[in-house]
């Protein structure tokens, strides 16, 4: 079995669970935040929607500088509706799926670096970038998003199992 074949089921499962949570985000609450230090609901949902894009970035490139000393700083997309957030997520998920499926095992073991202002923040094999920087990072923020939804009294969908709103497994 190839690395891609082993990784794709996990990628698919996490993307499906994330989409279910993103679908619950209310359009009229995108500017809401539970605390002054927290992201807004819209920014958090957008961040989740853009994370799968890093799959292709990490597999196609060896490094990215999000704030290059002599270039333009990385800017996140700024969707204004849940429909636009879901479209961004669907596009990024489909591209990520395609990039994983077409990558050979050797590619997954190449190093990838994240930099800011020319300073290396981390270096790890591309397979580890996908698992940690894309999947685990997404799981973390998806959990954060479910808390935001709960605070807004929005029904929280099942991801790994029952929720108070969807108790039947």
N, C-alpha and C. Protein backbone atom coordinates (compact mmCIF):
# COMPACT_ATOMS: atom_id res chain seq x y z
N UNK A 1 0.85 -1.18 0.00
CA UNK A 1 0.00 0.00 0.00
C UNK A 1 0.89 1.25 0.00
N UNK A 2 0.53 2.21 -0.79
CA UNK A 2 1.30 3.46 -0.85
C UNK A 2 0.91 4.38 0.31
N UNK A 3 1.74 5.38 0.55
CA UNK A 3 1.43 6.36 1.58
C UNK A 3 0.13 7.09 1.23
N UNK A 4 -0.04 7.44 -0.03
CA UNK A 4 -1.27 8.12 -0.46
C UNK A 4 -2.49 7.26 -0.15
N UNK A 5 -2.43 5.98 -0.45
CA UNK A 5 -3.56 5.09 -0.18
C UNK A 5 -3.86 4.99 1.31
N UNK A 6 -2.82 5.06 2.13
CA UNK A 6 -3.00 5.00 3.58
C UNK A 6 -3.53 6.32 4.14
N UNK A 7 -3.13 7.42 3.55
CA UNK A 7 -3.49 8.74 4.05
C UNK A 7 -4.87 9.22 3.59
N UNK A 8 -5.27 8.83 2.40
CA UNK A 8 -6.54 9.33 1.84
C UNK A 8 -7.78 9.03 2.69
N UNK A 9 -7.95 7.84 3.26
CA UNK A 9 -9.15 7.62 4.08
C UNK A 9 -9.25 8.58 5.27
N UNK A 10 -8.11 8.84 5.90
CA UNK A 10 -8.10 9.79 7.02
C UNK A 10 -8.43 11.20 6.53
N UNK A 11 -7.83 11.60 5.42
CA UNK A 11 -8.11 12.91 4.84
C UNK A 11 -9.61 13.04 4.53
N UNK A 12 -10.17 12.02 3.89
CA UNK A 12 -11.59 12.04 3.52
C UNK A 12 -12.48 12.14 4.76
N UNK A 13 -12.18 11.36 5.78
CA UNK A 13 -12.97 11.37 7.01
C UNK A 13 -12.94 12.75 7.66
N UNK A 14 -11.76 13.34 7.77
CA UNK A 14 -11.64 14.64 8.42
C UNK A 14 -12.29 15.75 7.60
N UNK A 15 -12.19 15.69 6.28
CA UNK A 15 -12.82 16.71 5.45
C UNK A 15 -14.34 16.61 5.55
N UNK A 16 -14.88 15.40 5.56
CA UNK A 16 -16.33 15.23 5.69
C UNK A 16 -16.83 15.75 7.04
N UNK A 17 -16.11 15.46 8.10
CA UNK A 17 -16.51 15.93 9.43
C UNK A 17 -16.42 17.45 9.51
N UNK A 18 -15.38 18.01 8.95
CA UNK A 18 -15.21 19.47 8.97
C UNK A 18 -16.32 20.15 8.18
N UNK A 19 -16.67 19.60 7.04
CA UNK A 19 -17.73 20.21 6.24
C UNK A 19 -19.05 20.22 6.99
N UNK A 20 -19.35 19.13 7.72
CA UNK A 20 -20.59 19.07 8.49
C UNK A 20 -20.65 20.19 9.53
N UNK A 21 -19.52 20.49 10.14
CA UNK A 21 -19.49 21.56 11.13
C UNK A 21 -19.60 22.92 10.44
N UNK A 22 -18.87 23.11 9.36
CA UNK A 22 -18.93 24.39 8.64
C UNK A 22 -20.34 24.69 8.14
N UNK A 23 -21.08 23.67 7.76
CA UNK A 23 -22.45 23.86 7.27
C UNK A 23 -23.37 24.45 8.33
N UNK A 24 -23.02 24.30 9.60
CA UNK A 24 -23.86 24.79 10.69
C UNK A 24 -23.60 26.26 11.04
N UNK A 25 -22.55 26.83 10.50
CA UNK A 25 -22.21 28.22 10.82
C UNK A 25 -23.33 29.14 10.32
N UNK A 26 -23.88 29.96 11.22
CA UNK A 26 -24.95 30.88 10.80
C UNK A 26 -24.39 32.12 10.10
N UNK A 27 -24.95 32.43 8.94
CA UNK A 27 -24.52 33.59 8.16
C UNK A 27 -24.58 34.90 8.94
N UNK A 28 -25.57 35.02 9.81
CA UNK A 28 -25.77 36.29 10.50
C UNK A 28 -24.88 36.44 11.74
N UNK A 29 -23.99 35.48 11.98
CA UNK A 29 -23.12 35.55 13.16
C UNK A 29 -21.63 35.54 12.78
N UNK A 30 -21.29 35.77 11.54
CA UNK A 30 -19.89 35.69 11.11
C UNK A 30 -18.97 36.68 11.84
N UNK A 31 -19.52 37.79 12.31
CA UNK A 31 -18.72 38.79 13.03
C UNK A 31 -18.69 38.54 14.53
N UNK A 32 -19.41 37.52 14.99
CA UNK A 32 -19.49 37.21 16.42
C UNK A 32 -18.20 36.57 16.92
N UNK A 33 -17.85 36.89 18.14
CA UNK A 33 -16.69 36.29 18.80
C UNK A 33 -17.04 36.08 20.27
N UNK A 34 -16.63 34.94 20.86
CA UNK A 34 -16.97 34.69 22.26
C UNK A 34 -16.13 35.49 23.24
N UNK A 35 -15.04 36.08 22.76
CA UNK A 35 -14.11 36.81 23.64
C UNK A 35 -13.31 37.76 22.79
N UNK A 36 -12.87 38.83 23.36
CA UNK A 36 -12.11 39.83 22.60
C UNK A 36 -10.78 39.28 22.04
N UNK A 37 -10.25 38.25 22.66
CA UNK A 37 -9.00 37.65 22.17
C UNK A 37 -9.24 36.52 21.16
N UNK A 38 -10.49 36.16 20.96
CA UNK A 38 -10.83 35.07 20.05
C UNK A 38 -11.03 35.57 18.63
N UNK A 39 -10.82 34.68 17.67
CA UNK A 39 -11.19 34.98 16.30
C UNK A 39 -12.70 35.14 16.22
N UNK A 40 -13.15 35.85 15.18
CA UNK A 40 -14.59 35.86 14.93
C UNK A 40 -14.99 34.50 14.38
N UNK A 41 -16.26 34.22 14.44
CA UNK A 41 -16.79 32.97 13.90
C UNK A 41 -16.44 32.85 12.41
N UNK A 42 -16.59 33.94 11.67
CA UNK A 42 -16.28 33.92 10.23
C UNK A 42 -14.81 33.69 9.96
N UNK A 43 -13.94 34.30 10.75
CA UNK A 43 -12.49 34.11 10.55
C UNK A 43 -12.10 32.67 10.86
N UNK A 44 -12.65 32.11 11.94
CA UNK A 44 -12.35 30.73 12.31
C UNK A 44 -12.84 29.77 11.23
N UNK A 45 -14.05 29.97 10.73
CA UNK A 45 -14.59 29.11 9.68
C UNK A 45 -13.76 29.24 8.40
N UNK A 46 -13.34 30.44 8.08
CA UNK A 46 -12.49 30.65 6.90
C UNK A 46 -11.15 29.96 7.08
N UNK A 47 -10.59 30.05 8.26
CA UNK A 47 -9.31 29.38 8.53
C UNK A 47 -9.45 27.88 8.30
N UNK A 48 -10.53 27.29 8.78
CA UNK A 48 -10.79 25.87 8.55
C UNK A 48 -10.94 25.56 7.07
N UNK A 49 -11.57 26.46 6.34
CA UNK A 49 -11.79 26.25 4.91
C UNK A 49 -10.50 26.35 4.11
N UNK A 50 -9.55 27.13 4.60
CA UNK A 50 -8.30 27.28 3.85
C UNK A 50 -7.25 26.23 4.21
N UNK A 51 -7.36 25.58 5.35
CA UNK A 51 -6.33 24.61 5.76
C UNK A 51 -6.07 23.50 4.75
N UNK A 52 -7.08 22.90 4.12
CA UNK A 52 -6.78 21.83 3.15
C UNK A 52 -5.93 22.30 1.97
N UNK A 53 -5.92 23.61 1.69
CA UNK A 53 -5.10 24.16 0.61
C UNK A 53 -3.61 23.90 0.85
N UNK A 54 -3.23 23.83 2.11
CA UNK A 54 -1.83 23.61 2.46
C UNK A 54 -1.35 22.21 2.07
N UNK A 55 -2.26 21.30 1.78
CA UNK A 55 -1.87 19.97 1.30
C UNK A 55 -1.11 20.10 -0.01
N UNK A 56 -1.70 20.79 -0.97
CA UNK A 56 -1.05 21.00 -2.26
C UNK A 56 0.18 21.87 -2.14
N UNK A 57 0.11 22.90 -1.31
CA UNK A 57 1.26 23.79 -1.13
C UNK A 57 2.45 22.99 -0.61
N UNK A 58 2.19 22.11 0.35
CA UNK A 58 3.31 21.36 0.93
C UNK A 58 3.83 20.27 -0.01
N UNK A 59 2.96 19.68 -0.80
CA UNK A 59 3.41 18.63 -1.71
C UNK A 59 4.08 19.20 -2.97
N UNK A 60 3.65 20.37 -3.41
CA UNK A 60 4.18 20.96 -4.64
C UNK A 60 5.41 21.83 -4.44
N UNK A 61 5.63 22.29 -3.21
CA UNK A 61 6.74 23.20 -2.93
C UNK A 61 7.59 22.62 -1.80
N UNK A 62 8.79 23.14 -1.66
CA UNK A 62 9.66 22.70 -0.57
C UNK A 62 9.65 23.65 0.62
N UNK A 63 9.15 24.87 0.40
CA UNK A 63 9.06 25.84 1.49
C UNK A 63 8.09 26.94 1.10
N UNK A 64 7.57 27.59 2.13
CA UNK A 64 6.74 28.78 1.95
C UNK A 64 7.14 29.78 3.02
N UNK A 65 7.31 31.02 2.59
CA UNK A 65 7.54 32.12 3.51
C UNK A 65 6.28 32.97 3.50
N UNK A 66 5.55 32.97 4.62
CA UNK A 66 4.28 33.69 4.68
C UNK A 66 4.46 35.20 4.82
N UNK A 67 5.67 35.61 5.08
CA UNK A 67 5.98 37.03 5.22
C UNK A 67 7.38 37.29 4.67
N UNK A 68 7.56 37.08 3.36
CA UNK A 68 8.91 37.19 2.79
C UNK A 68 9.49 38.59 2.95
N UNK A 69 10.78 38.68 3.28
CA UNK A 69 11.41 39.99 3.50
C UNK A 69 11.31 40.90 2.27
N UNK A 70 11.31 40.34 1.10
CA UNK A 70 11.30 41.16 -0.12
C UNK A 70 10.07 40.89 -0.99
N UNK A 71 9.00 40.44 -0.37
CA UNK A 71 7.80 40.11 -1.15
C UNK A 71 6.53 40.43 -0.40
N UNK A 72 5.43 39.93 -0.94
CA UNK A 72 4.12 40.20 -0.37
C UNK A 72 3.78 39.19 0.72
N UNK A 73 3.26 39.70 1.82
CA UNK A 73 2.84 38.86 2.95
C UNK A 73 1.66 37.99 2.54
N UNK A 74 1.60 36.77 3.10
CA UNK A 74 0.48 35.86 2.87
C UNK A 74 -0.81 36.52 3.34
N UNK A 75 -1.84 36.44 2.53
CA UNK A 75 -3.15 36.96 2.93
C UNK A 75 -4.19 35.86 2.78
N UNK A 76 -4.97 35.68 3.82
CA UNK A 76 -6.04 34.70 3.78
C UNK A 76 -7.20 35.23 2.96
N UNK A 77 -7.97 34.33 2.36
CA UNK A 77 -9.18 34.75 1.66
C UNK A 77 -10.15 35.41 2.65
N UNK A 78 -11.06 36.20 2.13
CA UNK A 78 -12.01 36.90 2.98
C UNK A 78 -13.45 36.69 2.49
N UNK A 79 -13.93 35.45 2.56
CA UNK A 79 -15.33 35.22 2.16
C UNK A 79 -16.27 35.96 3.10
N UNK A 80 -17.42 36.33 2.59
CA UNK A 80 -18.38 37.11 3.39
C UNK A 80 -19.66 36.36 3.70
N UNK A 81 -19.79 35.13 3.19
CA UNK A 81 -20.98 34.32 3.47
C UNK A 81 -20.54 32.88 3.75
N UNK A 82 -21.42 32.14 4.38
CA UNK A 82 -21.15 30.73 4.63
C UNK A 82 -21.04 29.98 3.31
N UNK A 83 -21.85 30.35 2.33
CA UNK A 83 -21.76 29.70 1.01
C UNK A 83 -20.37 29.88 0.41
N UNK A 84 -19.79 31.05 0.54
CA UNK A 84 -18.43 31.28 0.03
C UNK A 84 -17.39 30.50 0.82
N UNK A 85 -17.60 30.38 2.13
CA UNK A 85 -16.69 29.59 2.97
C UNK A 85 -16.74 28.13 2.55
N UNK A 86 -17.94 27.60 2.34
CA UNK A 86 -18.10 26.21 1.91
C UNK A 86 -17.50 25.99 0.52
N UNK A 87 -17.66 26.94 -0.36
CA UNK A 87 -17.07 26.83 -1.70
C UNK A 87 -15.54 26.78 -1.61
N UNK A 88 -14.97 27.65 -0.76
CA UNK A 88 -13.52 27.65 -0.55
C UNK A 88 -13.08 26.30 0.02
N UNK A 89 -13.80 25.81 1.01
CA UNK A 89 -13.47 24.52 1.62
C UNK A 89 -13.55 23.39 0.59
N UNK A 90 -14.63 23.35 -0.17
CA UNK A 90 -14.80 22.29 -1.16
C UNK A 90 -13.69 22.31 -2.21
N UNK A 91 -13.34 23.48 -2.68
CA UNK A 91 -12.26 23.62 -3.66
C UNK A 91 -10.94 23.15 -3.08
N UNK A 92 -10.62 23.62 -1.87
CA UNK A 92 -9.35 23.25 -1.24
C UNK A 92 -9.30 21.77 -0.88
N UNK A 93 -10.41 21.21 -0.43
CA UNK A 93 -10.46 19.78 -0.10
C UNK A 93 -10.27 18.92 -1.34
N UNK A 94 -10.94 19.28 -2.43
CA UNK A 94 -10.82 18.51 -3.67
C UNK A 94 -9.40 18.56 -4.20
N UNK A 95 -8.80 19.75 -4.15
CA UNK A 95 -7.41 19.87 -4.62
C UNK A 95 -6.48 19.08 -3.72
N UNK A 96 -6.69 19.14 -2.41
CA UNK A 96 -5.85 18.39 -1.48
C UNK A 96 -5.94 16.89 -1.72
N UNK A 97 -7.16 16.43 -1.91
CA UNK A 97 -7.40 15.00 -2.19
C UNK A 97 -6.64 14.59 -3.45
N UNK A 98 -6.74 15.41 -4.49
CA UNK A 98 -6.06 15.13 -5.76
C UNK A 98 -4.54 15.12 -5.59
N UNK A 99 -4.03 16.07 -4.83
CA UNK A 99 -2.57 16.16 -4.63
C UNK A 99 -2.05 14.94 -3.86
N UNK A 100 -2.79 14.52 -2.84
CA UNK A 100 -2.37 13.32 -2.09
C UNK A 100 -2.39 12.11 -3.01
N UNK A 101 -3.49 11.94 -3.74
CA UNK A 101 -3.66 10.76 -4.59
C UNK A 101 -2.58 10.65 -5.66
N UNK A 102 -2.08 11.78 -6.14
CA UNK A 102 -1.11 11.75 -7.24
C UNK A 102 0.34 11.79 -6.78
N UNK A 103 0.57 11.94 -5.48
CA UNK A 103 1.96 12.02 -4.98
C UNK A 103 2.54 10.62 -4.78
N UNK A 104 3.78 10.46 -5.18
CA UNK A 104 4.50 9.22 -4.94
C UNK A 104 5.07 9.18 -3.54
N UNK A 105 5.39 8.00 -3.07
CA UNK A 105 5.92 7.85 -1.71
C UNK A 105 7.14 8.73 -1.45
N UNK A 106 8.03 8.85 -2.40
CA UNK A 106 9.25 9.65 -2.20
C UNK A 106 8.91 11.10 -1.88
N UNK A 107 7.89 11.64 -2.51
CA UNK A 107 7.50 13.03 -2.27
C UNK A 107 7.12 13.25 -0.82
N UNK A 108 6.41 12.29 -0.23
CA UNK A 108 5.96 12.44 1.15
C UNK A 108 7.13 12.51 2.14
N UNK A 109 8.31 12.00 1.77
CA UNK A 109 9.45 12.01 2.67
C UNK A 109 10.38 13.19 2.46
N UNK A 110 10.09 14.03 1.46
CA UNK A 110 10.89 15.24 1.25
C UNK A 110 10.57 16.25 2.36
N UNK A 111 11.59 17.04 2.72
CA UNK A 111 11.38 18.06 3.75
C UNK A 111 10.60 19.25 3.19
N UNK A 112 9.82 19.87 4.07
CA UNK A 112 9.09 21.09 3.76
C UNK A 112 9.32 22.06 4.90
N UNK A 113 9.49 23.33 4.56
CA UNK A 113 9.77 24.37 5.57
C UNK A 113 8.71 25.46 5.53
N UNK A 114 8.31 25.89 6.70
CA UNK A 114 7.48 27.07 6.83
C UNK A 114 8.36 28.18 7.39
N UNK A 115 8.34 29.32 6.70
CA UNK A 115 9.16 30.45 7.11
C UNK A 115 8.30 31.69 7.27
N UNK A 116 8.82 32.63 8.03
CA UNK A 116 8.21 33.95 8.17
C UNK A 116 9.34 34.96 8.27
N UNK A 117 9.33 35.90 7.35
CA UNK A 117 10.39 36.92 7.33
C UNK A 117 11.76 36.33 7.13
N UNK A 118 11.84 35.22 6.39
CA UNK A 118 13.12 34.55 6.14
C UNK A 118 13.55 33.60 7.25
N UNK A 119 12.88 33.65 8.39
CA UNK A 119 13.22 32.78 9.53
C UNK A 119 12.43 31.48 9.42
N UNK A 120 13.13 30.36 9.56
CA UNK A 120 12.48 29.06 9.50
C UNK A 120 11.74 28.78 10.79
N UNK A 121 10.43 28.54 10.66
CA UNK A 121 9.61 28.23 11.82
C UNK A 121 9.63 26.75 12.14
N UNK A 122 9.60 25.93 11.08
CA UNK A 122 9.75 24.49 11.26
C UNK A 122 10.08 23.83 9.93
N UNK A 123 10.70 22.65 10.03
CA UNK A 123 11.00 21.80 8.89
C UNK A 123 10.56 20.40 9.27
N UNK A 124 9.82 19.75 8.39
CA UNK A 124 9.43 18.37 8.63
C UNK A 124 9.10 17.70 7.31
N UNK A 125 9.08 16.36 7.29
CA UNK A 125 8.71 15.67 6.07
C UNK A 125 7.29 16.06 5.64
N UNK A 126 7.06 16.08 4.36
CA UNK A 126 5.77 16.51 3.82
C UNK A 126 4.61 15.69 4.37
N UNK A 127 4.81 14.40 4.60
CA UNK A 127 3.73 13.58 5.17
C UNK A 127 3.39 14.08 6.57
N UNK A 128 4.38 14.50 7.33
CA UNK A 128 4.14 15.03 8.67
C UNK A 128 3.45 16.38 8.60
N UNK A 129 3.76 17.17 7.59
CA UNK A 129 3.08 18.46 7.41
C UNK A 129 1.59 18.23 7.17
N UNK A 130 1.28 17.26 6.34
CA UNK A 130 -0.13 16.98 6.05
C UNK A 130 -0.84 16.49 7.32
N UNK A 131 -0.21 15.60 8.05
CA UNK A 131 -0.83 15.06 9.27
C UNK A 131 -0.97 16.13 10.34
N UNK A 132 0.06 16.95 10.57
CA UNK A 132 0.00 17.91 11.67
C UNK A 132 -0.53 19.27 11.25
N UNK A 133 0.06 19.86 10.24
CA UNK A 133 -0.26 21.24 9.85
C UNK A 133 -1.60 21.33 9.13
N UNK A 134 -2.03 20.25 8.49
CA UNK A 134 -3.32 20.26 7.80
C UNK A 134 -4.37 19.52 8.65
N UNK A 135 -4.21 18.22 8.85
CA UNK A 135 -5.25 17.43 9.52
C UNK A 135 -5.40 17.76 11.00
N UNK A 136 -4.35 17.61 11.79
CA UNK A 136 -4.46 17.85 13.23
C UNK A 136 -4.82 19.31 13.53
N UNK A 137 -4.24 20.21 12.79
CA UNK A 137 -4.54 21.63 12.93
C UNK A 137 -6.03 21.87 12.65
N UNK A 138 -6.55 21.22 11.61
CA UNK A 138 -7.97 21.33 11.29
C UNK A 138 -8.86 20.73 12.37
N UNK A 139 -8.45 19.60 12.92
CA UNK A 139 -9.22 18.97 13.99
C UNK A 139 -9.29 19.91 15.20
N UNK A 140 -8.18 20.52 15.53
CA UNK A 140 -8.12 21.47 16.64
C UNK A 140 -9.12 22.62 16.43
N UNK A 141 -9.06 23.24 15.27
CA UNK A 141 -9.94 24.38 15.02
C UNK A 141 -11.40 23.96 14.80
N UNK A 142 -11.62 22.75 14.31
CA UNK A 142 -13.00 22.25 14.20
C UNK A 142 -13.60 22.11 15.59
N UNK A 143 -12.82 21.60 16.54
CA UNK A 143 -13.30 21.52 17.91
C UNK A 143 -13.60 22.89 18.48
N UNK A 144 -12.74 23.84 18.20
CA UNK A 144 -12.96 25.22 18.63
C UNK A 144 -14.27 25.75 18.02
N UNK A 145 -14.49 25.45 16.75
CA UNK A 145 -15.70 25.91 16.08
C UNK A 145 -16.95 25.29 16.69
N UNK A 146 -16.87 24.02 17.11
CA UNK A 146 -18.06 23.41 17.74
C UNK A 146 -18.38 24.10 19.07
N UNK A 147 -17.38 24.56 19.78
CA UNK A 147 -17.63 25.31 21.01
C UNK A 147 -18.32 26.64 20.69
N UNK A 148 -17.84 27.31 19.65
CA UNK A 148 -18.48 28.56 19.23
C UNK A 148 -19.95 28.30 18.89
N UNK A 149 -20.21 27.22 18.15
CA UNK A 149 -21.58 26.89 17.79
C UNK A 149 -22.44 26.63 19.03
N UNK A 150 -21.89 25.88 19.98
CA UNK A 150 -22.62 25.58 21.21
C UNK A 150 -22.97 26.88 21.93
N UNK A 151 -22.01 27.80 22.01
CA UNK A 151 -22.25 29.07 22.70
C UNK A 151 -23.35 29.89 22.01
N UNK A 152 -23.50 29.67 20.71
CA UNK A 152 -24.55 30.36 19.94
C UNK A 152 -25.85 29.56 19.91
N UNK A 153 -25.88 28.44 20.62
CA UNK A 153 -27.03 27.54 20.66
C UNK A 153 -27.39 27.00 19.27
N UNK A 154 -26.35 26.72 18.49
CA UNK A 154 -26.51 26.10 17.17
C UNK A 154 -26.24 24.61 17.34
N UNK A 155 -27.04 23.80 16.72
CA UNK A 155 -26.91 22.35 16.79
C UNK A 155 -25.52 21.90 16.33
N UNK A 156 -24.86 21.09 17.15
CA UNK A 156 -23.52 20.58 16.86
C UNK A 156 -23.64 19.19 16.24
N UNK A 157 -23.09 19.00 15.04
CA UNK A 157 -23.21 17.70 14.38
C UNK A 157 -22.25 16.66 14.95
N UNK A 158 -22.55 15.41 14.69
CA UNK A 158 -21.62 14.33 15.02
C UNK A 158 -20.38 14.45 14.13
N UNK A 159 -19.23 14.17 14.73
CA UNK A 159 -18.01 14.05 13.93
C UNK A 159 -17.44 12.65 14.15
N UNK A 160 -17.04 12.35 15.40
CA UNK A 160 -16.54 11.01 15.71
C UNK A 160 -17.58 10.16 16.43
N UNK A 161 -18.65 10.79 16.84
CA UNK A 161 -19.68 10.08 17.56
C UNK A 161 -20.79 11.02 17.95
N UNK A 162 -21.69 10.56 18.81
CA UNK A 162 -22.87 11.34 19.18
C UNK A 162 -22.52 12.69 19.81
N UNK A 163 -23.44 13.64 19.64
CA UNK A 163 -23.38 14.91 20.35
C UNK A 163 -24.70 15.06 21.09
N UNK A 164 -24.80 16.07 21.93
CA UNK A 164 -26.05 16.33 22.66
C UNK A 164 -27.18 16.61 21.68
N UNK A 165 -26.84 17.14 20.50
CA UNK A 165 -27.85 17.48 19.51
C UNK A 165 -28.16 16.32 18.56
N UNK A 166 -27.23 15.43 18.40
CA UNK A 166 -27.39 14.25 17.54
C UNK A 166 -26.92 13.03 18.32
N UNK A 167 -27.75 12.58 19.30
CA UNK A 167 -27.31 11.53 20.23
C UNK A 167 -27.31 10.11 19.66
N UNK A 168 -27.98 9.88 18.57
CA UNK A 168 -28.04 8.52 18.02
C UNK A 168 -26.83 8.26 17.13
N UNK A 169 -26.07 7.25 17.50
CA UNK A 169 -24.84 6.94 16.75
C UNK A 169 -25.14 5.94 15.67
